[in-house]
PDB file of N, CA and C in Angstrom:
ATOM      1  N   MET A   1       0.937  -1.258  -0.005  1.00  0.00           N
ATOM      2  CA  MET A   1      -0.029   0.042   0.137  1.00  0.00           C
ATOM      3  C   MET A   1       0.946   1.316   0.018  1.00  0.00           C
ATOM      4  N   ASN A   2       0.586   2.172  -0.849  1.00  0.00           N
ATOM      5  CA  ASN A   2       1.225   3.618  -0.786  1.00  0.00           C
ATOM      6  C   ASN A   2       0.601   4.268   0.336  1.00  0.00           C
ATOM      7  N   LYS A   3       1.286   5.489   0.386  1.00  0.00           N
ATOM      8  CA  LYS A   3       0.846   6.375   1.399  1.00  0.00           C
ATOM      9  C   LYS A   3      -0.389   6.880   1.288  1.00  0.00           C
ATOM     10  N   GLU A   4      -0.887   7.113   0.028  1.00  0.00           N
ATOM     11  CA  GLU A   4      -2.238   7.715  -0.033  1.00  0.00           C
ATOM     12  C   GLU A   4      -3.381   6.766   0.358  1.00  0.00           C
ATOM     13  N   GLN A   5      -3.028   5.526   0.055  1.00  0.00           N
ATOM     14  CA  GLN A   5      -3.981   4.318   0.161  1.00  0.00           C
ATOM     15  C   GLN A   5      -4.191   4.057   1.676  1.00  0.00           C
ATOM     16  N   THR A   6      -2.978   4.452   2.648  1.00  0.00           N
ATOM     17  CA  THR A   6      -3.205   4.066   3.994  1.00  0.00           C
ATOM     18  C   THR A   6      -3.797   5.411   4.528  1.00  0.00           C
ATOM     19  N   LYS A   7      -3.973   6.343   3.978  1.00  0.00           N
ATOM     20  CA  LYS A   7      -4.665   7.675   4.660  1.00  0.00           C
ATOM     21  C   LYS A   7      -6.276   7.398   4.844  1.00  0.00           C
ATOM     22  N   LYS A   8      -6.896   7.849   5.898  1.00  0.00           N
ATOM     23  CA  LYS A   8      -8.156   7.865   5.979  1.00  0.00           C
ATOM     24  C   LYS A   8      -8.795   8.749   5.120  1.00  0.00           C
ATOM     25  N   LYS A   9     -10.043   8.465   4.606  1.00  0.00           N
ATOM     26  CA  LYS A   9     -10.822   9.281   3.840  1.00  0.00           C
ATOM     27  C   LYS A   9     -11.334  10.443   4.684  1.00  0.00           C
ATOM     28  N   ALA A  10     -11.144  11.626   3.999  1.00  0.00           N
ATOM     29  CA  ALA A  10     -11.570  12.829   4.941  1.00  0.00           C
ATOM     30  C   ALA A  10     -13.183  13.030   4.997  1.00  0.00           C
ATOM     31  N   VAL A  11     -13.500  13.368   6.125  1.00  0.00           N
ATOM     32  CA  VAL A  11     -15.004  13.515   6.445  1.00  0.00           C
ATOM     33  C   VAL A  11     -15.242  15.024   6.635  1.00  0.00           C
ATOM     34  N   PHE A  12     -15.982  15.625   5.620  1.00  0.00           N
ATOM     35  CA  PHE A  12     -16.188  17.168   5.696  1.00  0.00           C
ATOM     36  C   PHE A  12     -17.470  17.146   6.477  1.00  0.00           C
ATOM     37  N   THR A  13     -17.427  17.584   7.705  1.00  0.00           N
ATOM     38  CA  THR A  13     -18.715  17.863   8.523  1.00  0.00           C
ATOM     39  C   THR A  13     -18.993  19.339   8.893  1.00  0.00           C
ATOM     40  N   LYS A  14     -18.048  20.281   8.603  1.00  0.00           N
ATOM     41  CA  LYS A  14     -18.280  21.653   8.978  1.00  0.00           C
ATOM     42  C   LYS A  14     -18.474  22.344   7.693  1.00  0.00           C
ATOM     43  N   GLN A  15     -19.320  23.273   7.751  1.00  0.00           N
ATOM     44  CA  GLN A  15     -19.634  24.146   6.634  1.00  0.00           C
ATOM     45  C   GLN A  15     -19.349  25.484   6.979  1.00  0.00           C
ATOM     46  N   VAL A  16     -19.085  26.338   6.086  1.00  0.00           N
ATOM     47  CA  VAL A  16     -18.751  27.667   6.191  1.00  0.00           C
ATOM     48  C   VAL A  16     -19.327  28.407   5.100  1.00  0.00           C
ATOM     49  N   LEU A  17     -19.979  29.459   5.442  1.00  0.00           N
ATOM     50  CA  LEU A  17     -20.707  30.281   4.234  1.00  0.00           C
ATOM     51  C   LEU A  17     -19.694  31.487   4.216  1.00  0.00           C
ATOM     52  N   VAL A  18     -19.354  31.691   2.780  1.00  0.00           N
ATOM     53  CA  VAL A  18     -18.440  32.840   2.715  1.00  0.00           C
ATOM     54  C   VAL A  18     -19.021  33.614   1.287  1.00  0.00           C
ATOM     55  N   ARG A  19     -19.081  34.955   1.569  1.00  0.00           N
ATOM     56  CA  ARG A  19     -19.683  35.711   0.449  1.00  0.00           C
ATOM     57  C   ARG A  19     -18.566  36.368  -0.139  1.00  0.00           C
ATOM     58  N   PHE A  20     -18.373  36.309  -1.684  1.00  0.00           N
ATOM     59  CA  PHE A  20     -17.644  37.094  -2.324  1.00  0.00           C
ATOM     60  C   PHE A  20     -18.294  38.168  -3.253  1.00  0.00           C
ATOM     61  N   SER A  21     -17.466  39.100  -3.673  1.00  0.00           N
ATOM     62  CA  SER A  21     -18.077  39.877  -4.579  1.00  0.00           C
ATOM     63  C   SER A  21     -17.954  39.344  -5.931  1.00  0.00           C
ATOM     64  N   GLU A  22     -18.540  39.864  -7.025  1.00  0.00           N
ATOM     65  CA  GLU A  22     -18.478  39.373  -8.349  1.00  0.00           C
ATOM     66  C   GLU A  22     -17.202  38.932  -8.785  1.00  0.00           C
ATOM     67  N   ASP A  23     -16.234  40.268  -8.529  1.00  0.00           N
ATOM     68  CA  ASP A  23     -14.749  39.957  -9.216  1.00  0.00           C
ATOM     69  C   ASP A  23     -14.045  38.999  -8.315  1.00  0.00           C
ATOM     70  N   GLU A  24     -14.182  38.958  -6.883  1.00  0.00           N
ATOM     71  CA  GLU A  24     -13.595  37.839  -6.196  1.00  0.00           C
ATOM     72  C   GLU A  24     -13.951  36.527  -6.550  1.00  0.00           C
ATOM     73  N   TYR A  25     -15.309  36.263  -6.773  1.00  0.00           N
ATOM     74  CA  TYR A  25     -15.752  34.955  -7.365  1.00  0.00           C
ATOM     75  C   TYR A  25     -15.287  34.596  -8.541  1.00  0.00           C
ATOM     76  N   GLU A  26     -15.158  35.625  -9.581  1.00  0.00           N
ATOM     77  CA  GLU A  26     -14.666  35.165 -10.745  1.00  0.00           C
ATOM     78  C   GLU A  26     -13.238  34.887 -10.692  1.00  0.00           C
ATOM     79  N   VAL A  27     -12.473  35.471  -9.867  1.00  0.00           N
ATOM     80  CA  VAL A  27     -11.058  34.936  -9.605  1.00  0.00           C
ATOM     81  C   VAL A  27     -11.011  33.516  -8.888  1.00  0.00           C
ATOM     82  N   LEU A  28     -11.915  33.364  -7.990  1.00  0.00           N
ATOM     83  CA  LEU A  28     -12.051  31.952  -7.608  1.00  0.00           C
ATOM     84  C   LEU A  28     -12.208  30.942  -8.562  1.00  0.00           C
ATOM     85  N   LYS A  29     -13.213  31.074  -9.495  1.00  0.00           N
ATOM     86  CA  LYS A  29     -13.439  30.130 -10.581  1.00  0.00           C
ATOM     87  C   LYS A  29     -12.208  29.866 -11.473  1.00  0.00           C
ATOM     88  N   ARG A  30     -11.744  30.985 -11.752  1.00  0.00           N
ATOM     89  CA  ARG A  30     -10.827  31.012 -12.800  1.00  0.00           C
ATOM     90  C   ARG A  30      -9.592  30.189 -12.234  1.00  0.00           C
ATOM     91  N   LYS A  31      -9.228  30.485 -11.071  1.00  0.00           N
ATOM     92  CA  LYS A  31      -8.038  29.821 -10.441  1.00  0.00           C
ATOM     93  C   LYS A  31      -8.196  28.428 -10.050  1.00  0.00           C
ATOM     94  N   ALA A  32      -9.434  28.150  -9.574  1.00  0.00           N
ATOM     95  CA  ALA A  32      -9.837  26.713  -9.358  1.00  0.00           C
ATOM     96  C   ALA A  32      -9.921  25.852 -10.628  1.00  0.00           C
ATOM     97  N   LYS A  33     -10.455  26.339 -11.764  1.00  0.00           N
ATOM     98  CA  LYS A  33     -10.480  25.782 -12.868  1.00  0.00           C
ATOM     99  C   LYS A  33      -8.975  25.375 -13.339  1.00  0.00           C
ATOM    100  N   LYS A  34      -8.245  26.530 -13.375  1.00  0.00           N
ATOM    101  CA  LYS A  34      -6.827  26.394 -13.873  1.00  0.00           C
ATOM    102  C   LYS A  34      -6.095  25.335 -13.102  1.00  0.00           C
ATOM    103  N   ALA A  35      -6.331  25.065 -12.054  1.00  0.00           N
ATOM    104  CA  ALA A  35      -5.568  24.149 -10.990  1.00  0.00           C
ATOM    105  C   ALA A  35      -6.370  22.792 -11.254  1.00  0.00           C
ATOM    106  N   GLY A  36      -7.551  22.730 -11.876  1.00  0.00           N
ATOM    107  CA  GLY A  36      -8.234  21.567 -12.182  1.00  0.00           C
ATOM    108  C   GLY A  36      -8.963  20.982 -10.745  1.00  0.00           C
ATOM    109  N   LEU A  37      -9.359  22.072  -9.803  1.00  0.00           N
ATOM    110  CA  LEU A  37      -9.956  21.705  -8.652  1.00  0.00           C
ATOM    111  C   LEU A  37     -11.253  22.311  -8.542  1.00  0.00           C
ATOM    112  N   SER A  38     -12.051  21.661  -7.534  1.00  0.00           N
ATOM    113  CA  SER A  38     -13.519  22.180  -7.200  1.00  0.00           C
ATOM    114  C   SER A  38     -13.133  23.568  -6.470  1.00  0.00           C
ATOM    115  N   HIS A  39     -14.070  24.313  -6.283  1.00  0.00           N
ATOM    116  CA  HIS A  39     -14.057  25.535  -5.427  1.00  0.00           C
ATOM    117  C   HIS A  39     -13.491  25.019  -4.046  1.00  0.00           C
ATOM    118  N   SER A  40     -14.409  24.261  -3.756  1.00  0.00           N
ATOM    119  CA  SER A  40     -14.105  23.667  -2.202  1.00  0.00           C
ATOM    120  C   SER A  40     -12.656  23.187  -1.950  1.00  0.00           C
ATOM    121  N   GLU A  41     -12.270  22.200  -2.730  1.00  0.00           N
ATOM    122  CA  GLU A  41     -10.883  21.780  -2.647  1.00  0.00           C
ATOM    123  C   GLU A  41      -9.847  22.841  -2.892  1.00  0.00           C
ATOM    124  N   PHE A  42     -10.149  23.783  -3.844  1.00  0.00           N
ATOM    125  CA  PHE A  42      -9.195  24.894  -4.054  1.00  0.00           C
ATOM    126  C   PHE A  42      -8.890  25.769  -2.806  1.00  0.00           C
ATOM    127  N   ILE A  43     -10.026  25.889  -1.964  1.00  0.00           N
ATOM    128  CA  ILE A  43     -10.076  26.783  -0.715  1.00  0.00           C
ATOM    129  C   ILE A  43      -9.408  25.918   0.295  1.00  0.00           C
ATOM    130  N   ARG A  44      -9.711  24.636   0.478  1.00  0.00           N
ATOM    131  CA  ARG A  44      -9.200  23.733   1.358  1.00  0.00           C
ATOM    132  C   ARG A  44      -7.545  23.828   1.335  1.00  0.00           C
ATOM    133  N   ARG A  45      -7.203  23.701   0.120  1.00  0.00           N
ATOM    134  CA  ARG A  45      -5.704  23.589  -0.182  1.00  0.00           C
ATOM    135  C   ARG A  45      -5.210  24.939   0.341  1.00  0.00           C
ATOM    136  N   LEU A  46      -5.724  26.068  -0.081  1.00  0.00           N
ATOM    137  CA  LEU A  46      -5.416  27.334   0.402  1.00  0.00           C
ATOM    138  C   LEU A  46      -5.160  27.512   2.133  1.00  0.00           C
ATOM    139  N   VAL A  47      -6.240  26.991   2.553  1.00  0.00           N
ATOM    140  CA  VAL A  47      -6.269  27.012   4.111  1.00  0.00           C
ATOM    141  C   VAL A  47      -5.173  26.190   4.848  1.00  0.00           C
ATOM    142  N   LYS A  48      -4.797  24.981   4.143  1.00  0.00           N
ATOM    143  CA  LYS A  48      -3.697  24.242   4.742  1.00  0.00           C
ATOM    144  C   LYS A  48      -2.276  24.765   4.127  1.00  0.00           C
ATOM    145  N   GLY A  49      -2.273  25.936   3.345  1.00  0.00           N
ATOM    146  CA  GLY A  49      -1.069  26.426   3.088  1.00  0.00           C
ATOM    147  C   GLY A  49      -0.361  25.492   1.927  1.00  0.00           C
ATOM    148  N   LYS A  50      -0.916  24.635   1.274  1.00  0.00           N
ATOM    149  CA  LYS A  50      -0.577  23.844   0.279  1.00  0.00           C
ATOM    150  C   LYS A  50      -0.265  24.612  -1.107  1.00  0.00           C
ATOM    151  N   LYS A  51       0.849  24.163  -1.908  1.00  0.00           N
ATOM    152  CA  LYS A  51       1.257  24.827  -3.030  1.00  0.00           C
ATOM    153  C   LYS A  51       0.134  24.425  -4.055  1.00  0.00           C
ATOM    154  N   ILE A  52      -0.604  25.276  -4.771  1.00  0.00           N
ATOM    155  CA  ILE A  52      -1.482  24.959  -5.846  1.00  0.00           C
ATOM    156  C   ILE A  52      -0.735  25.303  -7.105  1.00  0.00           C
ATOM    157  N   THR A  53      -0.653  24.063  -7.950  1.00  0.00           N
ATOM    158  CA  THR A  53      -0.319  24.485  -9.323  1.00  0.00           C
ATOM    159  C   THR A  53      -1.318  24.415 -10.488  1.00  0.00           C
ATOM    160  N   SER A  54      -1.019  24.700 -11.600  1.00  0.00           N
ATOM    161  CA  SER A  54      -1.837  24.824 -12.667  1.00  0.00           C
ATOM    162  C   SER A  54      -2.056  23.116 -13.013  1.00  0.00           C
ATOM    163  N   ALA A  55      -3.139  22.565 -13.528  1.00  0.00           N
ATOM    164  CA  ALA A  55      -3.401  21.326 -13.992  1.00  0.00           C
ATOM    165  C   ALA A  55      -2.612  21.336 -15.188  1.00  0.00           C
ATOM    166  N   PRO A  56      -2.126  20.176 -15.566  1.00  0.00           N
ATOM    167  CA  PRO A  56      -1.292  20.156 -17.048  1.00  0.00           C
ATOM    168  C   PRO A  56      -2.271  20.165 -18.112  1.00  0.00           C
ATOM    169  N   SER A  57      -1.787  21.042 -19.282  1.00  0.00           N
ATOM    170  CA  SER A  57      -2.724  21.228 -20.175  1.00  0.00           C
ATOM    171  C   SER A  57      -2.989  19.828 -21.057  1.00  0.00           C
ATOM    172  N   GLN A  58      -4.143  19.659 -21.793  1.00  0.00           N
ATOM    173  CA  GLN A  58      -4.504  18.503 -22.323  1.00  0.00           C
ATOM    174  C   GLN A  58      -3.342  18.269 -23.419  1.00  0.00           C
ATOM    175  N   ASP A  59      -2.556  19.194 -23.849  1.00  0.00           N
ATOM    176  CA  ASP A  59      -1.702  18.937 -24.871  1.00  0.00           C
ATOM    177  C   ASP A  59      -0.399  18.049 -24.175  1.00  0.00           C
ATOM    178  N   PHE A  60      -0.300  18.367 -22.905  1.00  0.00           N
ATOM    179  CA  PHE A  60       0.769  17.680 -22.247  1.00  0.00           C
ATOM    180  C   PHE A  60       0.713  16.138 -22.659  1.00  0.00           C
ATOM    181  N   ASP A  61      -0.305  15.450 -22.281  1.00  0.00           N
ATOM    182  CA  ASP A  61      -0.554  14.020 -22.698  1.00  0.00           C
ATOM    183  C   ASP A  61      -0.245  13.932 -24.033  1.00  0.00           C
ATOM    184  N   LEU A  62      -0.656  14.558 -24.986  1.00  0.00           N
ATOM    185  CA  LEU A  62      -0.227  14.438 -26.306  1.00  0.00           C
ATOM    186  C   LEU A  62       1.243  14.561 -26.644  1.00  0.00           C
ATOM    187  N   ILE A  63       1.941  15.338 -25.966  1.00  0.00           N
ATOM    188  CA  ILE A  63       3.299  15.720 -26.125  1.00  0.00           C
ATOM    189  C   ILE A  63       3.874  14.290 -25.718  1.00  0.00           C
ATOM    190  N   ILE A  64       3.496  13.847 -24.368  1.00  0.00           N
ATOM    191  CA  ILE A  64       4.073  12.325 -24.028  1.00  0.00           C
ATOM    192  C   ILE A  64       3.927  11.285 -24.887  1.00  0.00           C
ATOM    193  N   TRP A  65       2.701  11.292 -25.640  1.00  0.00           N
ATOM    194  CA  TRP A  65       2.451  10.355 -26.618  1.00  0.00           C
ATOM    195  C   TRP A  65       3.307  10.497 -27.860  1.00  0.00           C
ATOM    196  N   ASP A  66       3.524  11.794 -28.123  1.00  0.00           N
ATOM    197  CA  ASP A  66       4.470  11.854 -29.271  1.00  0.00           C
ATOM    198  C   ASP A  66       5.711  11.532 -29.021  1.00  0.00           C
ATOM    199  N   ILE A  67       6.382  11.769 -27.915  1.00  0.00           N
ATOM    200  CA  ILE A  67       7.621  11.516 -27.526  1.00  0.00           C
ATOM    201  C   ILE A  67       7.875  10.130 -27.514  1.00  0.00           C
ATOM    202  N   LYS A  68       6.937   9.269 -26.803  1.00  0.00           N
ATOM    203  CA  LYS A  68       6.988   7.670 -26.868  1.00  0.00           C
ATOM    204  C   LYS A  68       7.013   7.129 -28.286  1.00  0.00           C
ATOM    205  N   GLY A  69       5.893   7.843 -29.221  1.00  0.00           N
ATOM    206  CA  GLY A  69       6.131   7.515 -30.620  1.00  0.00           C
ATOM    207  C   GLY A  69       7.519   7.781 -31.409  1.00  0.00           C
ATOM    208  N   ILE A  70       8.224   8.682 -30.905  1.00  0.00           N
ATOM    209  CA  ILE A  70       9.458   9.033 -31.557  1.00  0.00           C
ATOM    210  C   ILE A  70      10.300   7.943 -31.066  1.00  0.00           C
ATOM    211  N   GLY A  71      10.340   7.671 -29.744  1.00  0.00           N
ATOM    212  CA  GLY A  71      11.244   6.692 -29.349  1.00  0.00           C
ATOM    213  C   GLY A  71      11.079   5.300 -29.969  1.00  0.00           C
ATOM    214  N   ASN A  72       9.706   4.961 -29.900  1.00  0.00           N
ATOM    215  CA  ASN A  72       9.448   3.663 -30.595  1.00  0.00           C
ATOM    216  C   ASN A  72       9.917   3.595 -32.225  1.00  0.00           C
ATOM    217  N   LYS A  73       9.790   4.741 -32.760  1.00  0.00           N
ATOM    218  CA  LYS A  73      10.177   4.835 -34.368  1.00  0.00           C
ATOM    219  C   LYS A  73      11.738   4.746 -34.355  1.00  0.00           C
ATOM    220  N   LEU A  74      12.383   5.427 -33.435  1.00  0.00           N
ATOM    221  CA  LEU A  74      13.741   5.493 -33.311  1.00  0.00           C
ATOM    222  C   LEU A  74      14.354   3.961 -33.107  1.00  0.00           C
ATOM    223  N   THR A  75      13.639   3.387 -32.179  1.00  0.00           N
ATOM    224  CA  THR A  75      14.093   1.945 -31.957  1.00  0.00           C
ATOM    225  C   THR A  75      14.139   1.034 -33.049  1.00  0.00           C
ATOM    226  N   THR A  76      12.920   1.185 -33.771  1.00  0.00           N
ATOM    227  CA  THR A  76      12.731   0.286 -35.052  1.00  0.00           C
ATOM    228  C   THR A  76      13.751   0.688 -35.832  1.00  0.00           C
ATOM    229  N   LEU A  77      13.995   1.898 -36.231  1.00  0.00           N
ATOM    230  CA  LEU A  77      15.067   2.232 -37.089  1.00  0.00           C
ATOM    231  C   LEU A  77      16.361   1.624 -36.684  1.00  0.00           C
ATOM    232  N   ASP A  78      16.694   1.854 -35.469  1.00  0.00           N
ATOM    233  CA  ASP A  78      17.944   1.336 -35.114  1.00  0.00           C
ATOM    234  C   ASP A  78      18.019  -0.303 -35.189  1.00  0.00           C
ATOM    235  N   LYS A  79      17.072  -1.092 -35.012  1.00  0.00           N
ATOM    236  CA  LYS A  79      17.047  -2.500 -35.403  1.00  0.00           C
ATOM    237  C   LYS A  79      17.122  -2.745 -36.693  1.00  0.00           C
ATOM    238  N   ILE A  80      16.352  -2.005 -37.462  1.00  0.00           N
ATOM    239  CA  ILE A  80      16.523  -2.184 -39.066  1.00  0.00           C
ATOM    240  C   ILE A  80      18.034  -1.884 -39.515  1.00  0.00           C
ATOM    241  N   ILE A  81      18.572  -0.963 -39.176  1.00  0.00           N
ATOM    242  CA  ILE A  81      19.819  -0.367 -39.761  1.00  0.00           C
ATOM    243  C   ILE A  81      20.860  -1.356 -39.119  1.00  0.00           C
ATOM    244  N   ILE A  82      20.804  -1.840 -38.053  1.00  0.00           N
ATOM    245  CA  ILE A  82      21.811  -2.753 -37.440  1.00  0.00           C
ATOM    246  C   ILE A  82      21.609  -4.150 -37.861  1.00  0.00           C
ATOM    247  N   GLU A  83      20.382  -4.805 -38.004  1.00  0.00           N
ATOM    248  CA  GLU A  83      20.113  -6.252 -38.312  1.00  0.00           C
ATOM    249  C   GLU A  83      20.171  -6.362 -39.739  1.00  0.00           C
ATOM    250  N   LYS A  84      19.496  -5.423 -40.620  1.00  0.00           N
ATOM    251  CA  LYS A  84      19.316  -5.580 -42.055  1.00  0.00           C
ATOM    252  C   LYS A  84      20.262  -4.565 -42.763  1.00  0.00           C
ATOM    253  N   ASP A  85      20.941  -3.855 -42.187  1.00  0.00           N
ATOM    254  CA  ASP A  85      21.727  -2.814 -42.984  1.00  0.00           C
ATOM    255  C   ASP A  85      20.699  -2.055 -43.993  1.00  0.00           C
ATOM    256  N   ASP A  86      19.620  -1.592 -43.393  1.00  0.00           N
ATOM    257  CA  ASP A  86      18.525  -1.101 -44.367  1.00  0.00           C
ATOM    258  C   ASP A  86      17.782  -0.130 -43.652  1.00  0.00           C
ATOM    259  N   TYR A  87      17.164   0.866 -44.024  1.00  0.00           N
ATOM    260  CA  TYR A  87      16.249   1.629 -43.346  1.00  0.00           C
ATOM    261  C   TYR A  87      15.116   2.243 -44.234  1.00  0.00           C
ATOM    262  N   THR A  88      14.004   2.530 -43.644  1.00  0.00           N
ATOM    263  CA  THR A  88      12.852   2.827 -44.357  1.00  0.00           C
ATOM    264  C   THR A  88      12.644   4.213 -44.297  1.00  0.00           C
ATOM    265  N   GLN A  89      12.394   4.903 -45.262  1.00  0.00           N
ATOM    266  CA  GLN A  89      12.237   6.188 -45.433  1.00  0.00           C
ATOM    267  C   GLN A  89      10.666   6.601 -44.718  1.00  0.00           C
ATOM    268  N   GLU A  90       9.763   5.800 -44.722  1.00  0.00           N
ATOM    269  CA  GLU A  90       8.580   6.146 -44.160  1.00  0.00           C
ATOM    270  C   GLU A  90       8.719   6.238 -42.509  1.00  0.00           C
ATOM    271  N   LEU A  91       9.489   5.404 -41.833  1.00  0.00           N
ATOM    272  CA  LEU A  91       9.815   5.554 -40.626  1.00  0.00           C
ATOM    273  C   LEU A  91      10.467   6.636 -40.208  1.00  0.00           C
ATOM    274  N   ILE A  92      11.249   7.153 -41.061  1.00  0.00           N
ATOM    275  CA  ILE A  92      12.037   8.561 -40.889  1.00  0.00           C
ATOM    276  C   ILE A  92      11.146   9.511 -41.010  1.00  0.00           C
ATOM    277  N   SER A  93      10.324   9.618 -42.063  1.00  0.00           N
ATOM    278  CA  SER A  93       9.278  10.590 -42.173  1.00  0.00           C
ATOM    279  C   SER A  93       8.405  10.733 -40.999  1.00  0.00           C
ATOM    280  N   ASP A  94       7.944   9.470 -40.578  1.00  0.00           N
ATOM    281  CA  ASP A  94       7.059   9.577 -39.389  1.00  0.00           C
ATOM    282  C   ASP A  94       7.652  10.142 -38.256  1.00  0.00           C
ATOM    283  N   SER A  95       8.962   9.845 -38.137  1.00  0.00           N
ATOM    284  CA  SER A  95       9.762  10.376 -36.862  1.00  0.00           C
ATOM    285  C   SER A  95       9.907  11.899 -36.833  1.00  0.00           C
ATOM    286  N   VAL A  96      10.085  12.389 -38.102  1.00  0.00           N
ATOM    287  CA  VAL A  96      10.273  13.810 -38.226  1.00  0.00           C
ATOM    288  C   VAL A  96       8.985  14.485 -38.108  1.00  0.00           C
ATOM    289  N   SER A  97       7.798  13.937 -38.480  1.00  0.00           N
ATOM    290  CA  SER A  97       6.446  14.470 -38.280  1.00  0.00           C
ATOM    291  C   SER A  97       6.245  14.484 -36.793  1.00  0.00           C
ATOM    292  N   LEU A  98       6.514  13.497 -35.871  1.00  0.00           N
ATOM    293  CA  LEU A  98       6.002  13.458 -34.841  1.00  0.00           C
ATOM    294  C   LEU A  98       7.010  14.336 -33.934  1.00  0.00           C
ATOM    295  N   ILE A  99       8.176  14.592 -34.445  1.00  0.00           N
ATOM    296  CA  ILE A  99       9.033  15.619 -33.806  1.00  0.00           C
ATOM    297  C   ILE A  99       8.466  17.100 -33.895  1.00  0.00           C
ATOM    298  N   HIS A 100       8.074  17.246 -35.266  1.00  0.00           N
ATOM    299  CA  HIS A 100       7.567  18.617 -35.488  1.00  0.00           C
ATOM    300  C   HIS A 100       6.356  18.797 -34.651  1.00  0.00           C
ATOM    301  N   ASP A 101       5.306  17.766 -34.431  1.00  0.00           N
ATOM    302  CA  ASP A 101       4.008  17.939 -33.818  1.00  0.00           C
ATOM    303  C   ASP A 101       4.479  18.204 -32.249  1.00  0.00           C
ATOM    304  N   ALA A 102       5.376  17.560 -31.638  1.00  0.00           N
ATOM    305  CA  ALA A 102       5.799  17.732 -30.320  1.00  0.00           C
ATOM    306  C   ALA A 102       6.240  19.069 -29.981  1.00  0.00           C
ATOM    307  N   ASN A 103       7.322  19.421 -31.130  1.00  0.00           N
ATOM    308  CA  ASN A 103       7.700  20.797 -30.905  1.00  0.00           C
ATOM    309  C   ASN A 103       6.758  22.019 -31.180  1.00  0.00           C
ATOM    310  N   VAL A 104       5.727  21.766 -31.961  1.00  0.00           N
ATOM    311  CA  VAL A 104       4.764  22.927 -32.044  1.00  0.00           C
ATOM    312  C   VAL A 104       3.845  22.867 -30.743  1.00  0.00           C
ATOM    313  N   ARG A 105       3.551  21.635 -30.104  1.00  0.00           N
ATOM    314  CA  ARG A 105       2.871  21.572 -28.937  1.00  0.00           C
ATOM    315  C   ARG A 105       3.587  22.163 -27.706  1.00  0.00           C
ATOM    316  N   LEU A 106       4.860  22.068 -27.605  1.00  0.00           N
ATOM    317  CA  LEU A 106       5.733  22.466 -26.599  1.00  0.00           C
ATOM    318  C   LEU A 106       5.722  24.074 -26.713  1.00  0.00           C
ATOM    319  N   SER A 107       5.808  24.578 -27.962  1.00  0.00           N
ATOM    320  CA  SER A 107       5.985  25.940 -28.313  1.00  0.00           C
ATOM    321  C   SER A 107       4.596  26.756 -27.835  1.00  0.00           C
ATOM    322  N   ASN A 108       3.507  26.016 -27.914  1.00  0.00           N
ATOM    323  CA  ASN A 108       2.343  26.622 -27.686  1.00  0.00           C
ATOM    324  C   ASN A 108       1.878  26.791 -26.176  1.00  0.00           C
ATOM    325  N   ILE A 109       2.719  25.521 -25.451  1.00  0.00           N
ATOM    326  CA  ILE A 109       2.533  25.492 -23.981  1.00  0.00           C
ATOM    327  C   ILE A 109       3.559  26.593 -23.483  1.00  0.00           C
ATOM    328  N   PHE A 110       4.698  26.351 -23.751  1.00  0.00           N
ATOM    329  CA  PHE A 110       5.839  27.197 -22.907  1.00  0.00           C
ATOM    330  C   PHE A 110       6.051  28.760 -23.499  1.00  0.00           C
ATOM    331  N   PHE A 111       5.817  28.859 -24.509  1.00  0.00           N
ATOM    332  CA  PHE A 111       6.122  30.137 -25.248  1.00  0.00           C
ATOM    333  C   PHE A 111       5.118  31.211 -25.726  1.00  0.00           C
TER     334      PHE A 111
END
């Protein structure tokens, strides 16, 4: 069992009513959404002093997928070159395409 499995499930028995201005509520909604958390969980983490980070972009999974694809293509190319002293242009083109896609996604996320 890992650490998370051994923890007891939290039971939320206390309720607090908090009123926000329109602007404050919009900030709460935006920040909770960016972190991928409900409003309640976002506020609980703030109260506990936990660091709140942005949830990974959906493109993050695609980038990981692209990188794995590149690795698989390169492994295949390596085997073909070593074992058969031959290589396939299609595999090279696919690898170049995957590298380009990953580069575009990374650029959109980080720049």
